[in-house]
PDB file of N, CA and C in Angstrom:
ATOM      1  N   MET A   1      -0.238   1.232   6.767  1.00  0.00           N
ATOM      2  CA  MET A   1      -1.005   1.513   5.570  1.00  0.00           C
ATOM      3  C   MET A   1      -1.782   0.256   5.207  1.00  0.00           C
ATOM      4  N   THR A   2      -3.023   0.451   4.815  1.00  0.00           N
ATOM      5  CA  THR A   2      -3.882  -0.661   4.438  1.00  0.00           C
ATOM      6  C   THR A   2      -4.393  -0.450   3.021  1.00  0.00           C
ATOM      7  N   LEU A   3      -4.305  -1.482   2.213  1.00  0.00           N
ATOM      8  CA  LEU A   3      -4.851  -1.469   0.857  1.00  0.00           C
ATOM      9  C   LEU A   3      -6.204  -2.169   0.914  1.00  0.00           C
ATOM     10  N   ARG A   4      -7.232  -1.462   0.495  1.00  0.00           N
ATOM     11  CA  ARG A   4      -8.578  -2.048   0.467  1.00  0.00           C
ATOM     12  C   ARG A   4      -9.013  -2.203  -0.980  1.00  0.00           C
ATOM     13  N   THR A   5      -9.558  -3.356  -1.291  1.00  0.00           N
ATOM     14  CA  THR A   5     -10.077  -3.605  -2.634  1.00  0.00           C
ATOM     15  C   THR A   5     -11.530  -4.017  -2.531  1.00  0.00           C
ATOM     16  N   GLY A   6     -12.248  -3.820  -3.600  1.00  0.00           N
ATOM     17  CA  GLY A   6     -13.663  -4.161  -3.586  1.00  0.00           C
ATOM     18  C   GLY A   6     -14.154  -4.577  -4.942  1.00  0.00           C
ATOM     19  N   ARG A   7     -15.424  -4.875  -4.971  1.00  0.00           N
ATOM     20  CA  ARG A   7     -16.071  -5.290  -6.213  1.00  0.00           C
ATOM     21  C   ARG A   7     -17.332  -4.464  -6.401  1.00  0.00           C
ATOM     22  N   ARG A   8     -17.593  -4.138  -7.643  1.00  0.00           N
ATOM     23  CA  ARG A   8     -18.831  -3.415  -7.940  1.00  0.00           C
ATOM     24  C   ARG A   8     -20.025  -4.324  -7.731  1.00  0.00           C
ATOM     25  N   GLY A   9     -21.121  -3.698  -7.329  1.00  0.00           N
ATOM     26  CA  GLY A   9     -22.350  -4.457  -7.118  1.00  0.00           C
ATOM     27  C   GLY A   9     -23.002  -4.850  -8.431  1.00  0.00           C
ATOM     28  N   GLU A  10     -24.107  -5.519  -8.310  1.00  0.00           N
ATOM     29  CA  GLU A  10     -24.841  -6.016  -9.483  1.00  0.00           C
ATOM     30  C   GLU A  10     -25.357  -4.888 -10.368  1.00  0.00           C
ATOM     31  N   THR A  11     -25.734  -3.767  -9.753  1.00  0.00           N
ATOM     32  CA  THR A  11     -26.276  -2.646 -10.519  1.00  0.00           C
ATOM     33  C   THR A  11     -25.426  -1.399 -10.272  1.00  0.00           C
ATOM     34  N   PRO A  12     -25.468  -0.411 -11.173  1.00  0.00           N
ATOM     35  CA  PRO A  12     -24.683   0.809 -10.967  1.00  0.00           C
ATOM     36  C   PRO A  12     -25.012   1.531  -9.666  1.00  0.00           C
ATOM     37  N   SER A  13     -26.249   1.429  -9.202  1.00  0.00           N
ATOM     38  CA  SER A  13     -26.638   2.136  -7.979  1.00  0.00           C
ATOM     39  C   SER A  13     -26.247   1.396  -6.699  1.00  0.00           C
ATOM     40  N   SER A  14     -25.748   0.163  -6.810  1.00  0.00           N
ATOM     41  CA  SER A  14     -25.418  -0.606  -5.604  1.00  0.00           C
ATOM     42  C   SER A  14     -24.032  -0.291  -5.060  1.00  0.00           C
ATOM     43  N   GLY A  15     -23.229   0.494  -5.777  1.00  0.00           N
ATOM     44  CA  GLY A  15     -21.935   0.934  -5.259  1.00  0.00           C
ATOM     45  C   GLY A  15     -20.885  -0.150  -5.249  1.00  0.00           C
ATOM     46  N   VAL A  16     -19.906   0.015  -4.361  1.00  0.00           N
ATOM     47  CA  VAL A  16     -18.783  -0.915  -4.253  1.00  0.00           C
ATOM     48  C   VAL A  16     -18.773  -1.535  -2.865  1.00  0.00           C
ATOM     49  N   ASN A  17     -18.501  -2.819  -2.807  1.00  0.00           N
ATOM     50  CA  ASN A  17     -18.352  -3.530  -1.555  1.00  0.00           C
ATOM     51  C   ASN A  17     -16.852  -3.657  -1.278  1.00  0.00           C
ATOM     52  N   TRP A  18     -16.333  -2.881  -0.314  1.00  0.00           N
ATOM     53  CA  TRP A  18     -14.912  -2.897   0.029  1.00  0.00           C
ATOM     54  C   TRP A  18     -14.662  -4.059   0.983  1.00  0.00           C
ATOM     55  N   ASP A  19     -14.605  -5.262   0.456  1.00  0.00           N
ATOM     56  CA  ASP A  19     -14.611  -6.461   1.277  1.00  0.00           C
ATOM     57  C   ASP A  19     -13.241  -7.045   1.607  1.00  0.00           C
ATOM     58  N   ARG A  20     -12.177  -6.508   1.032  1.00  0.00           N
ATOM     59  CA  ARG A  20     -10.852  -7.072   1.300  1.00  0.00           C
ATOM     60  C   ARG A  20      -9.904  -5.985   1.786  1.00  0.00           C
ATOM     61  N   ALA A  21      -9.053  -6.345   2.742  1.00  0.00           N
ATOM     62  CA  ALA A  21      -8.077  -5.391   3.281  1.00  0.00           C
ATOM     63  C   ALA A  21      -6.749  -6.110   3.475  1.00  0.00           C
ATOM     64  N   LEU A  22      -5.665  -5.445   3.103  1.00  0.00           N
ATOM     65  CA  LEU A  22      -4.327  -5.982   3.260  1.00  0.00           C
ATOM     66  C   LEU A  22      -3.460  -4.949   3.957  1.00  0.00           C
ATOM     67  N   SER A  23      -2.922  -5.304   5.105  1.00  0.00           N
ATOM     68  CA  SER A  23      -2.009  -4.413   5.812  1.00  0.00           C
ATOM     69  C   SER A  23      -0.649  -4.502   5.119  1.00  0.00           C
ATOM     70  N   LEU A  24      -0.141  -3.362   4.635  1.00  0.00           N
ATOM     71  CA  LEU A  24       1.115  -3.354   3.906  1.00  0.00           C
ATOM     72  C   LEU A  24       2.331  -3.343   4.816  1.00  0.00           C
ATOM     73  N   SER A  25       2.190  -2.821   6.029  1.00  0.00           N
ATOM     74  CA  SER A  25       3.313  -2.788   6.960  1.00  0.00           C
ATOM     75  C   SER A  25       3.149  -3.894   7.988  1.00  0.00           C
ATOM     76  N   LYS A  26       4.261  -4.355   8.510  1.00  0.00           N
ATOM     77  CA  LYS A  26       4.224  -5.460   9.459  1.00  0.00           C
ATOM     78  C   LYS A  26       3.840  -5.017  10.871  1.00  0.00           C
ATOM     79  N   ALA A  27       3.995  -3.729  11.164  1.00  0.00           N
ATOM     80  CA  ALA A  27       3.642  -3.205  12.487  1.00  0.00           C
ATOM     81  C   ALA A  27       2.718  -2.009  12.328  1.00  0.00           C
ATOM     82  N   ALA A  28       1.818  -1.832  13.267  1.00  0.00           N
ATOM     83  CA  ALA A  28       0.813  -0.764  13.178  1.00  0.00           C
ATOM     84  C   ALA A  28       1.424   0.622  13.270  1.00  0.00           C
ATOM     85  N   ASP A  29       2.586   0.757  13.914  1.00  0.00           N
ATOM     86  CA  ASP A  29       3.165   2.083  14.113  1.00  0.00           C
ATOM     87  C   ASP A  29       4.157   2.493  13.016  1.00  0.00           C
ATOM     88  N   VAL A  30       4.253   1.738  11.932  1.00  0.00           N
ATOM     89  CA  VAL A  30       5.148   2.093  10.831  1.00  0.00           C
ATOM     90  C   VAL A  30       4.501   3.216  10.020  1.00  0.00           C
ATOM     91  N   PRO A  31       5.202   4.352   9.850  1.00  0.00           N
ATOM     92  CA  PRO A  31       4.612   5.445   9.084  1.00  0.00           C
ATOM     93  C   PRO A  31       4.541   5.112   7.599  1.00  0.00           C
ATOM     94  N   ALA A  32       3.585   5.696   6.930  1.00  0.00           N
ATOM     95  CA  ALA A  32       3.434   5.485   5.495  1.00  0.00           C
ATOM     96  C   ALA A  32       3.131   6.820   4.835  1.00  0.00           C
ATOM     97  N   GLY A  33       3.753   7.056   3.696  1.00  0.00           N
ATOM     98  CA  GLY A  33       3.549   8.305   2.966  1.00  0.00           C
ATOM     99  C   GLY A  33       2.934   8.044   1.610  1.00  0.00           C
ATOM    100  N   TYR A  34       3.401   8.791   0.629  1.00  0.00           N
ATOM    101  CA  TYR A  34       2.887   8.706  -0.732  1.00  0.00           C
ATOM    102  C   TYR A  34       2.910   7.269  -1.233  1.00  0.00           C
ATOM    103  N   SER A  35       1.907   6.883  -2.009  1.00  0.00           N
ATOM    104  CA  SER A  35       1.864   5.533  -2.563  1.00  0.00           C
ATOM    105  C   SER A  35       1.394   5.572  -4.011  1.00  0.00           C
ATOM    106  N   SER A  36       1.714   4.522  -4.729  1.00  0.00           N
ATOM    107  CA  SER A  36       1.287   4.353  -6.111  1.00  0.00           C
ATOM    108  C   SER A  36       0.886   2.899  -6.308  1.00  0.00           C
ATOM    109  N   ILE A  37      -0.289   2.684  -6.886  1.00  0.00           N
ATOM    110  CA  ILE A  37      -0.823   1.332  -7.067  1.00  0.00           C
ATOM    111  C   ILE A  37      -0.852   1.006  -8.554  1.00  0.00           C
ATOM    112  N   PHE A  38      -0.483  -0.231  -8.890  1.00  0.00           N
ATOM    113  CA  PHE A  38      -0.522  -0.660 -10.291  1.00  0.00           C
ATOM    114  C   PHE A  38      -0.940  -2.123 -10.375  1.00  0.00           C
ATOM    115  N   GLU A  39      -1.395  -2.521 -11.560  1.00  0.00           N
ATOM    116  CA  GLU A  39      -1.722  -3.917 -11.814  1.00  0.00           C
ATOM    117  C   GLU A  39      -0.680  -4.486 -12.757  1.00  0.00           C
ATOM    118  N   GLY A  40      -0.050  -5.585 -12.357  1.00  0.00           N
ATOM    119  CA  GLY A  40       0.970  -6.224 -13.174  1.00  0.00           C
ATOM    120  C   GLY A  40       0.357  -7.056 -14.293  1.00  0.00           C
ATOM    121  N   GLU A  41       1.204  -7.480 -15.200  1.00  0.00           N
ATOM    122  CA  GLU A  41       0.741  -8.309 -16.326  1.00  0.00           C
ATOM    123  C   GLU A  41       0.138  -9.621 -15.857  1.00  0.00           C
ATOM    124  N   ASP A  42       0.560 -10.093 -14.688  1.00  0.00           N
ATOM    125  CA  ASP A  42       0.039 -11.356 -14.153  1.00  0.00           C
ATOM    126  C   ASP A  42      -1.243 -11.170 -13.339  1.00  0.00           C
ATOM    127  N   GLY A  43      -1.769  -9.935 -13.271  1.00  0.00           N
ATOM    128  CA  GLY A  43      -3.011  -9.664 -12.560  1.00  0.00           C
ATOM    129  C   GLY A  43      -2.840  -9.307 -11.100  1.00  0.00           C
ATOM    130  N   ARG A  44      -1.619  -9.424 -10.580  1.00  0.00           N
ATOM    131  CA  ARG A  44      -1.399  -9.048  -9.180  1.00  0.00           C
ATOM    132  C   ARG A  44      -1.343  -7.537  -9.050  1.00  0.00           C
ATOM    133  N   LEU A  45      -1.693  -7.052  -7.864  1.00  0.00           N
ATOM    134  CA  LEU A  45      -1.570  -5.629  -7.564  1.00  0.00           C
ATOM    135  C   LEU A  45      -0.210  -5.365  -6.933  1.00  0.00           C
ATOM    136  N   GLY A  46       0.367  -4.240  -7.296  1.00  0.00           N
ATOM    137  CA  GLY A  46       1.609  -3.803  -6.692  1.00  0.00           C
ATOM    138  C   GLY A  46       1.404  -2.432  -6.081  1.00  0.00           C
ATOM    139  N   VAL A  47       2.043  -2.201  -4.950  1.00  0.00           N
ATOM    140  CA  VAL A  47       1.974  -0.904  -4.282  1.00  0.00           C
ATOM    141  C   VAL A  47       3.403  -0.470  -3.964  1.00  0.00           C
ATOM    142  N   LEU A  48       3.792   0.684  -4.497  1.00  0.00           N
ATOM    143  CA  LEU A  48       5.039   1.331  -4.098  1.00  0.00           C
ATOM    144  C   LEU A  48       4.658   2.366  -3.055  1.00  0.00           C
ATOM    145  N   TRP A  49       5.293   2.345  -1.894  1.00  0.00           N
ATOM    146  CA  TRP A  49       4.933   3.292  -0.844  1.00  0.00           C
ATOM    147  C   TRP A  49       6.150   3.714  -0.039  1.00  0.00           C
ATOM    148  N   GLU A  50       6.061   4.954   0.484  1.00  0.00           N
ATOM    149  CA  GLU A  50       7.139   5.527   1.283  1.00  0.00           C
ATOM    150  C   GLU A  50       6.970   5.141   2.744  1.00  0.00           C
ATOM    151  N   THR A  51       8.096   4.949   3.411  1.00  0.00           N
ATOM    152  CA  THR A  51       8.066   4.686   4.841  1.00  0.00           C
ATOM    153  C   THR A  51       9.399   5.111   5.442  1.00  0.00           C
ATOM    154  N   ASP A  52       9.512   4.997   6.735  1.00  0.00           N
ATOM    155  CA  ASP A  52      10.753   5.285   7.444  1.00  0.00           C
ATOM    156  C   ASP A  52      10.820   4.346   8.630  1.00  0.00           C
ATOM    157  N   ASP A  53      11.795   3.454   8.623  1.00  0.00           N
ATOM    158  CA  ASP A  53      11.894   2.471   9.703  1.00  0.00           C
ATOM    159  C   ASP A  53      12.686   2.966  10.905  1.00  0.00           C
ATOM    160  N   GLY A  54      13.054   4.244  10.896  1.00  0.00           N
ATOM    161  CA  GLY A  54      13.779   4.816  12.025  1.00  0.00           C
ATOM    162  C   GLY A  54      15.287   4.780  11.885  1.00  0.00           C
ATOM    163  N   SER A  55      15.809   4.080  10.887  1.00  0.00           N
ATOM    164  CA  SER A  55      17.257   3.991  10.719  1.00  0.00           C
ATOM    165  C   SER A  55      17.757   4.828   9.548  1.00  0.00           C
ATOM    166  N   SER A  56      16.918   5.695   9.010  1.00  0.00           N
ATOM    167  CA  SER A  56      17.292   6.444   7.809  1.00  0.00           C
ATOM    168  C   SER A  56      18.440   7.418   8.062  1.00  0.00           C
ATOM    169  N   VAL A  57      18.515   8.000   9.252  1.00  0.00           N
ATOM    170  CA  VAL A  57      19.613   8.931   9.550  1.00  0.00           C
ATOM    171  C   VAL A  57      20.944   8.188   9.489  1.00  0.00           C
ATOM    172  N   ALA A  58      20.972   6.963   9.987  1.00  0.00           N
ATOM    173  CA  ALA A  58      22.199   6.161   9.943  1.00  0.00           C
ATOM    174  C   ALA A  58      22.609   5.853   8.501  1.00  0.00           C
ATOM    175  N   ARG A  59      21.657   5.835   7.599  1.00  0.00           N
ATOM    176  CA  ARG A  59      21.955   5.573   6.182  1.00  0.00           C
ATOM    177  C   ARG A  59      22.224   6.859   5.416  1.00  0.00           C
ATOM    178  N   GLY A  60      22.226   7.989   6.106  1.00  0.00           N
ATOM    179  CA  GLY A  60      22.531   9.259   5.458  1.00  0.00           C
ATOM    180  C   GLY A  60      21.336   9.963   4.853  1.00  0.00           C
ATOM    181  N   CYS A  61      20.141   9.596   5.253  1.00  0.00           N
ATOM    182  CA  CYS A  61      18.931  10.236   4.741  1.00  0.00           C
ATOM    183  C   CYS A  61      18.335  11.101   5.847  1.00  0.00           C
ATOM    184  N   PHE A  62      18.010  12.328   5.509  1.00  0.00           N
ATOM    185  CA  PHE A  62      17.442  13.253   6.490  1.00  0.00           C
ATOM    186  C   PHE A  62      16.160  13.850   5.925  1.00  0.00           C
ATOM    187  N   GLY A  63      15.175  14.074   6.781  1.00  0.00           N
ATOM    188  CA  GLY A  63      13.997  14.805   6.356  1.00  0.00           C
ATOM    189  C   GLY A  63      12.764  13.988   6.077  1.00  0.00           C
ATOM    190  N   GLY A  64      12.584  12.872   6.717  1.00  0.00           N
ATOM    191  CA  GLY A  64      11.314  12.161   6.559  1.00  0.00           C
ATOM    192  C   GLY A  64      11.450  10.808   5.893  1.00  0.00           C
ATOM    193  N   TYR A  65      10.477  10.501   5.084  1.00  0.00           N
ATOM    194  CA  TYR A  65      10.385   9.174   4.472  1.00  0.00           C
ATOM    195  C   TYR A  65      11.549   8.938   3.516  1.00  0.00           C
ATOM    196  N   CYS A  66      12.373   7.960   3.846  1.00  0.00           N
ATOM    197  CA  CYS A  66      13.597   7.720   3.088  1.00  0.00           C
ATOM    198  C   CYS A  66      13.667   6.302   2.517  1.00  0.00           C
ATOM    199  N   GLU A  67      12.593   5.594   2.561  1.00  0.00           N
ATOM    200  CA  GLU A  67      12.609   4.223   2.065  1.00  0.00           C
ATOM    201  C   GLU A  67      11.377   4.020   1.182  1.00  0.00           C
ATOM    202  N   ILE A  68      11.574   3.401   0.021  1.00  0.00           N
ATOM    203  CA  ILE A  68      10.483   3.036  -0.868  1.00  0.00           C
ATOM    204  C   ILE A  68      10.327   1.525  -0.817  1.00  0.00           C
ATOM    205  N   VAL A  69       9.127   1.061  -0.554  1.00  0.00           N
ATOM    206  CA  VAL A  69       8.846  -0.361  -0.422  1.00  0.00           C
ATOM    207  C   VAL A  69       7.926  -0.786  -1.553  1.00  0.00           C
ATOM    208  N   LEU A  70       8.174  -1.966  -2.112  1.00  0.00           N
ATOM    209  CA  LEU A  70       7.282  -2.550  -3.114  1.00  0.00           C
ATOM    210  C   LEU A  70       6.595  -3.747  -2.474  1.00  0.00           C
ATOM    211  N   THR A  71       5.276  -3.731  -2.450  1.00  0.00           N
ATOM    212  CA  THR A  71       4.494  -4.846  -1.946  1.00  0.00           C
ATOM    213  C   THR A  71       3.656  -5.389  -3.098  1.00  0.00           C
ATOM    214  N   LEU A  72       3.743  -6.697  -3.339  1.00  0.00           N
ATOM    215  CA  LEU A  72       2.932  -7.360  -4.376  1.00  0.00           C
ATOM    216  C   LEU A  72       1.916  -8.255  -3.691  1.00  0.00           C
ATOM    217  N   THR A  73       0.719  -8.291  -4.239  1.00  0.00           N
ATOM    218  CA  THR A  73      -0.336  -9.094  -3.612  1.00  0.00           C
ATOM    219  C   THR A  73      -1.283  -9.666  -4.660  1.00  0.00           C
ATOM    220  N   ASP A  74      -1.948 -10.728  -4.303  1.00  0.00           N
ATOM    221  CA  ASP A  74      -2.960 -11.360  -5.155  1.00  0.00           C
ATOM    222  C   ASP A  74      -4.354 -10.867  -4.820  1.00  0.00           C
ATOM    223  N   VAL A  75      -4.478  -9.908  -3.882  1.00  0.00           N
ATOM    224  CA  VAL A  75      -5.786  -9.411  -3.438  1.00  0.00           C
ATOM    225  C   VAL A  75      -6.559  -8.895  -4.610  1.00  0.00           C
TER     226      VAL A  75
END
């Protein structure tokens, strides 16, 4: 999963420049599901997102994404 952020252009018609990207998972093959993005009081962005590292059955979870990850960033 990748979080992309951008900045508005000088005028309303110039759109958004999506100039920054942050990979939330450490490996490209890590699945990602539902996510929620928020801005903290300190201005950092936080992303809560679902994933499954493959060991969820061993932890007693069945049926898909069984792990919620919180990623904080200054992006």
